Every structure is written in C-alpha cells, then in structure tokens.
Protein backbone atom coordinates (compact mmCIF):
# COMPACT_ATOMS: atom_id res chain seq x y z
CA MET A 1 -13.97 2.78 14.15
CA ILE A 2 -11.31 1.40 11.81
CA GLN A 3 -7.82 2.55 12.73
CA ALA A 4 -5.34 3.35 9.96
CA TYR A 5 -1.71 4.44 10.25
CA MET A 6 -0.25 6.72 7.61
CA GLN A 7 3.54 6.71 7.51
CA VAL A 8 5.06 10.03 6.47
CA ASP A 9 8.55 11.53 6.47
CA LEU A 10 7.58 14.65 8.39
CA ASN A 11 10.98 16.16 7.58
CA ASN A 12 10.31 15.98 3.84
CA PRO A 13 8.27 19.02 2.66
CA LEU A 14 6.93 17.21 -0.43
CA ALA A 15 5.83 14.19 1.60
CA VAL A 16 4.09 16.49 4.08
CA LYS A 17 2.19 18.25 1.26
CA TYR A 18 1.10 14.89 -0.11
CA HIS A 19 -0.11 13.64 3.25
CA GLN A 20 -2.08 16.83 3.87
CA LEU A 21 -3.93 16.36 0.57
CA SER A 22 -4.36 12.69 1.38
CA LEU A 23 -5.97 13.38 4.74
CA LYS A 24 -8.32 15.87 3.09
CA SER A 25 -9.49 13.24 0.60
CA PHE A 26 -10.38 10.84 3.42
CA GLU A 27 -12.37 13.39 5.45
CA CYS A 28 -15.61 12.13 3.93
CA VAL A 29 -15.16 8.74 5.64
CA LYS A 30 -13.85 9.96 8.98
CA ASP A 31 -16.94 8.57 10.67
CA ILE A 32 -15.67 5.03 10.02
CA PHE A 33 -11.97 5.43 9.20
CA ASN A 34 -9.56 7.17 11.57
CA ILE A 35 -6.10 8.00 10.20
CA ASN A 36 -3.18 8.26 12.63
CA VAL A 37 -0.02 9.89 11.25
CA LEU A 38 3.36 8.32 12.05
CA GLN A 39 6.90 9.37 11.23
CA CYS A 40 8.07 6.75 8.76
CA ILE A 41 11.35 4.91 9.06
CA THR A 42 14.08 6.56 6.99
CA PRO A 43 17.49 5.36 5.77
CA ASP A 44 18.95 6.93 8.94
CA THR A 45 16.62 5.04 11.30
CA LEU A 46 16.46 1.51 9.88
CA LEU A 47 15.31 -1.36 12.05
CA ASP A 48 17.78 -4.06 13.07
CA ILE A 49 17.07 -6.26 10.04
CA SER A 50 19.78 -8.03 8.05
CA PHE A 51 18.96 -7.23 4.44
CA SER A 52 20.51 -9.28 1.68
CA ASP A 53 23.17 -7.39 -0.28
CA LYS A 54 22.38 -9.55 -3.31
CA LYS A 55 18.99 -7.84 -3.75
CA LYS A 56 20.71 -4.48 -4.28
CA ARG A 57 18.03 -2.36 -2.63
CA SER A 58 18.44 1.38 -2.30
CA PRO A 59 18.42 2.92 1.20
CA GLN A 60 14.88 4.19 0.62
CA GLU A 61 13.74 0.72 -0.40
CA GLU A 62 15.13 -0.74 2.80
CA ALA A 63 13.46 2.01 4.82
CA THR A 64 10.13 1.30 3.11
CA ILE A 65 10.31 -2.36 4.05
CA CYS A 66 11.13 -1.43 7.64
CA SER A 67 8.15 0.93 7.79
CA GLN A 68 5.81 -1.74 6.45
CA TYR A 69 7.30 -4.37 8.75
CA ARG A 70 6.77 -2.20 11.84
CA LEU A 71 3.01 -2.04 11.29
CA ILE A 72 2.54 -5.52 9.83
CA GLU A 73 4.21 -6.92 12.95
CA ARG A 74 1.43 -5.29 14.98
CA ILE A 75 -1.15 -7.01 12.76
CA SER A 76 0.61 -10.34 13.32
CA GLN A 77 0.07 -9.83 17.04
CA GLY A 78 -3.67 -9.44 16.56
CA GLU A 79 -4.10 -5.67 16.20
CA LYS A 80 -6.61 -4.60 13.55
CA LEU A 81 -5.31 -1.73 11.45
CA PHE A 82 -4.81 -0.46 7.91
CA VAL A 83 -1.36 0.51 6.67
CA MET A 84 -1.25 3.68 4.58
CA GLU A 85 1.32 5.62 2.60
CA HIS A 86 1.61 9.40 2.63
CA ASP A 87 0.30 9.77 -0.94
CA ALA A 88 -2.90 7.68 -0.68
CA TYR A 89 -5.88 9.43 -2.24
CA LEU A 90 -9.52 8.44 -1.82
CA ILE A 91 -11.25 8.99 -5.16
CA PRO A 92 -14.32 11.14 -4.31
CA GLU A 93 -16.78 9.41 -6.61
CA ARG A 94 -15.79 6.03 -5.16
CA GLU A 95 -16.54 6.78 -1.53
CA ALA A 96 -19.44 4.31 -1.56
CA ILE A 97 -17.14 1.53 -2.79
CA PHE A 98 -14.68 2.29 -0.02
CA ARG A 99 -17.43 2.20 2.59
CA THR A 100 -18.71 -1.14 1.30
CA ILE A 101 -15.25 -2.68 1.46
CA MET A 102 -14.63 -1.34 4.97
CA SER A 103 -17.88 -2.88 6.18
CA ASP A 104 -16.64 -6.33 5.19
CA TYR A 105 -12.82 -6.17 5.26
CA GLU A 106 -12.39 -8.43 8.31
CA LYS A 107 -13.51 -11.43 6.22
CA MET A 108 -10.67 -10.88 3.77
CA LEU A 109 -7.30 -12.58 3.80
CA THR A 110 -5.64 -9.51 2.31
CA CYS A 111 -7.40 -6.26 1.45
CA ASN A 112 -5.34 -3.97 -0.78
CA VAL A 113 -7.61 -1.35 -2.35
CA GLY A 114 -5.21 1.10 -4.02
CA ILE A 115 -2.95 0.75 -7.04
CA ALA A 116 0.03 -0.40 -4.98
CA MET A 117 0.27 -0.37 -1.16
CA GLU A 118 -1.34 2.98 -0.40
CA CYS A 119 -4.06 1.48 1.79
CA TYR A 120 -4.15 -2.15 2.87
CA THR A 121 -4.49 -4.67 5.67
CA THR A 122 -4.05 -8.40 5.98
CA HIS A 123 -4.84 -11.39 8.19
CA PRO A 124 -2.56 -12.08 11.20
CA SER A 125 -1.39 -15.35 9.62
CA VAL A 126 -0.27 -13.52 6.47
CA ALA A 127 1.31 -10.77 8.58
CA GLU A 128 3.26 -13.34 10.59
CA LEU A 129 4.65 -14.94 7.44
CA PHE A 130 5.46 -11.50 5.96
CA CYS A 131 7.55 -10.67 9.03
CA GLU A 132 9.28 -14.05 8.92
CA LEU A 133 10.20 -13.53 5.26
CA VAL A 134 11.66 -10.08 6.00
CA ARG A 135 13.70 -11.39 8.92
CA ASN A 136 15.06 -14.18 6.69
CA ASP A 137 15.72 -11.93 3.72
CA SER A 138 18.79 -13.81 2.48
CA THR A 139 16.80 -17.04 2.02
CA THR A 140 14.03 -15.57 -0.16
CA ARG A 141 13.83 -14.02 -3.62
CA GLN A 142 11.17 -11.35 -3.06
CA LYS A 143 12.61 -7.81 -3.12
CA GLY A 144 9.94 -5.21 -2.38
CA PRO A 145 7.21 -5.16 0.29
CA MET A 146 4.45 -5.64 -2.28
CA GLY A 147 6.16 -8.74 -3.64
CA ILE A 148 6.64 -10.09 -0.13
CA LEU A 149 2.99 -9.51 0.76
CA HIS A 150 1.95 -11.11 -2.55
CA TYR A 151 3.94 -14.25 -1.79
CA ALA A 152 2.88 -14.47 1.86
CA THR A 153 -0.80 -14.10 0.97
CA ASP A 154 -0.64 -16.81 -1.69
CA VAL A 155 1.15 -19.23 0.65
CA ILE A 156 -1.52 -18.80 3.33
CA ALA A 157 -4.30 -18.96 0.73
CA ARG A 158 -2.99 -22.31 -0.54
CA GLY A 159 -2.81 -23.61 3.01
CA ASN A 160 -6.42 -22.62 3.64
CA ASN A 161 -7.45 -24.54 0.51
CA SER A 162 -10.41 -22.23 0.09
CA ASP A 163 -12.30 -21.21 -3.03
CA ARG A 164 -13.72 -18.12 -1.33
CA ASN A 165 -13.01 -14.77 -3.02
CA CYS A 166 -11.16 -13.28 -0.07
CA VAL A 167 -8.26 -11.34 -1.61
CA TYR A 168 -8.59 -7.76 -2.89
CA TRP A 169 -5.57 -6.69 -4.94
CA PRO A 170 -4.72 -4.14 -7.67
CA LYS A 171 -5.65 -5.61 -11.03
CA LYS A 172 -3.00 -5.74 -13.72
CA GLY A 173 -3.23 -2.85 -16.16
CA ASN A 174 -3.21 0.94 -16.10
CA ARG A 175 -6.77 1.45 -14.91
CA ASN A 176 -7.87 2.02 -11.31
CA GLU A 177 -9.31 -1.44 -10.71
CA THR A 178 -9.30 -3.95 -7.87
CA GLY A 179 -9.38 -7.67 -8.61
CA ILE A 180 -11.15 -10.05 -6.24
CA ASP A 181 -10.32 -13.74 -6.13
CA VAL A 182 -8.91 -16.57 -3.99
CA ASN A 183 -5.30 -15.32 -3.93
CA VAL A 184 -3.13 -12.43 -5.11
CA THR A 185 -1.97 -14.08 -8.32
CA GLU A 186 -5.53 -14.62 -9.51
CA SER A 187 -6.77 -11.25 -8.24
CA HIS A 188 -3.99 -9.45 -10.10
CA SER A 189 -3.99 -11.31 -13.40
CA ARG A 190 -7.37 -12.94 -14.01
CA PRO A 191 -9.81 -12.08 -11.22
CA LYS A 192 -13.31 -13.52 -11.02
CA ILE A 193 -14.61 -10.12 -9.93
CA VAL A 194 -13.37 -6.63 -10.86
CA ILE A 195 -14.46 -3.41 -9.14
CA ASP A 196 -13.31 0.18 -9.40
CA ALA A 197 -10.40 0.87 -7.06
CA SER A 198 -11.38 3.31 -4.36
CA VAL A 199 -7.86 4.57 -3.63
CA THR A 200 -5.04 5.74 -5.87
CA GLN A 201 -1.72 7.58 -5.55
CA LEU A 202 -1.12 11.35 -5.59
CA VAL A 203 1.56 12.63 -7.95
CA ASP A 204 2.59 16.26 -8.43
CA ILE A 205 2.75 17.30 -12.08
CA ARG A 206 6.25 18.76 -11.63
CA GLN A 207 7.90 17.18 -8.60
CA GLY A 208 6.80 13.59 -9.06
CA THR A 209 7.18 11.14 -6.19
CA THR A 210 9.30 11.33 -3.04
CA ILE A 211 11.61 8.56 -4.29
CA ILE A 212 14.99 10.10 -5.03
CA ASP A 213 17.53 7.27 -4.81
CA ARG A 214 16.34 4.93 -7.56
CA PRO A 215 17.63 6.49 -10.81
CA HIS A 216 16.23 3.60 -12.87
CA ILE A 217 12.70 4.75 -12.00
CA GLN A 218 11.33 7.82 -13.76
CA ASN A 219 10.54 10.38 -11.08
CA ILE A 220 8.35 12.68 -13.17
CA TYR A 221 5.16 10.94 -14.21
CA THR A 222 2.60 12.07 -16.75
CA SER A 223 -1.15 11.48 -16.92
CA GLU A 224 -0.69 9.99 -20.38
CA LEU A 225 1.78 7.34 -19.22
CA HIS A 226 0.20 6.77 -15.81
CA PRO A 227 -3.57 7.39 -16.07
CA ASN A 228 -4.24 5.44 -12.87
CA PHE A 229 -2.55 8.09 -10.68
CA HIS A 230 -4.20 11.28 -9.44
CA PHE A 231 -2.21 14.28 -10.64
CA VAL A 232 -2.16 17.60 -8.80
CA ASP A 233 -0.40 20.93 -8.91
CA ILE A 234 0.54 20.67 -5.29
CA ASP A 235 1.86 24.20 -4.81
CA ASN A 236 -1.22 25.81 -6.33
CA LEU A 237 -3.65 23.16 -5.05
CA GLU A 238 -5.11 22.81 -8.50
CA GLU A 239 -5.97 19.36 -9.69
CA LYS A 240 -4.81 18.39 -13.18
C-alpha cells in the first residue's frame, strides 16, 4: 500500500471543502493508495528555518515551503511516501494512468503527476538536497518549493549521468499533460514522452484558491484562462 500525506489547513473552511472533494476523487484507488490527512504548517506555526528576506516571500509562501520540507525530510531519511496538497483531484477517466504510474514509481527519480505539486514523490538523494537548499536559503536563488525541487532533481540527475527517462513532471502549457524525460528541464519543456496527467487542481468557480496573501496572483480563476484546472461549484457540489 502506497502511503500519501495530504496537508490541509483544517481551520480553513474552504481548504476543508477542497480536501473532502479531493479524498472522494481518490476513493477509486484506495486499494493501492492510502491518503493520510495532516494539519499543514501555517504562518503562525513556521518551522525554525531562516528564510532569506531578499526573496520577499509572503507568509503563506513560507508556510508552504515548511509544509513541503517537513514531509520531504522524511523521504530523505528513507521513508516512502507521496506528498499531496488539499486540492489534488484525480481525474476519473485517468484512473488507469494513475495506477500504471503507481506500479512503477519507485524507479523514478522524481514523480510529479499533477499540474504543480498536488501529488508527488522523489528519491531520497533529491529529498536530501531539497532540504539542504531550504536550510541554506540565503545562498540559493530558487524561491518556491516547485523551483527548489526542480533544481534539486536536475542536480542529482546530472550526477547520475543517466539517459533513462526517470523524471515525471508537468509539461509546459495549459493542458493536463505529464512530460517524461531524464530531468525536470527536459520533462517540462521538450519531453521525449508525453502522457495525460492523472491529477489536477480543484478550483471553486467563485472562491478561487486558498491563497489570500499574494495580491499579484489572481485569486479567481476561469475555465477559459485555466483549462487545466478542475472547476467546481463547491457549495452546491456541482461540477462546472
């Protein structure tokens, strides 16, 4: 049984509604994929990490990195697990793709099957470097957790000097696709293999995401601008 850990702010009603819908979407694979729900780290409960002021992160951004770090550190110590966000959504018609990936994920250097970081895992060597980069934040240029994981994966991939297609990563563009190649850069921009992404992100048609402290990011998304998300009317439980 694959163990996954979904991080949710259980004190945020919108986040809770998202995670309830998320869990429902993954019920079809509960025979192979067990989701454990954790209270995420919030701006009030940050880990003892010295973040660089020069990167000008919002409190929620710092909390997100701490949440990712907490689980990735466990991977670095040899634990096998998937990291999940509260709004991950398993696309019903792509259940078979998800099952195929899960049957082979342990051979992958990094396995990121959503459109961002909704559902992913990585090799202990990548996880160890990720944690090192976070702890030495002032000496690096990567800002968000996805950028940090991107960089860490590519560094380890270069060190392995392998031509094996062992990285699954969201392909560039606005379609739900996963690129497969030797590192993140290739998988994202010009992958040798492209498959349909099995996981996407839930977005409510009126309330948007749970991010509220980054005014430069549009909080209300539309299906026209963001066709790779899964839109719902969360209060009426009607999919749009």
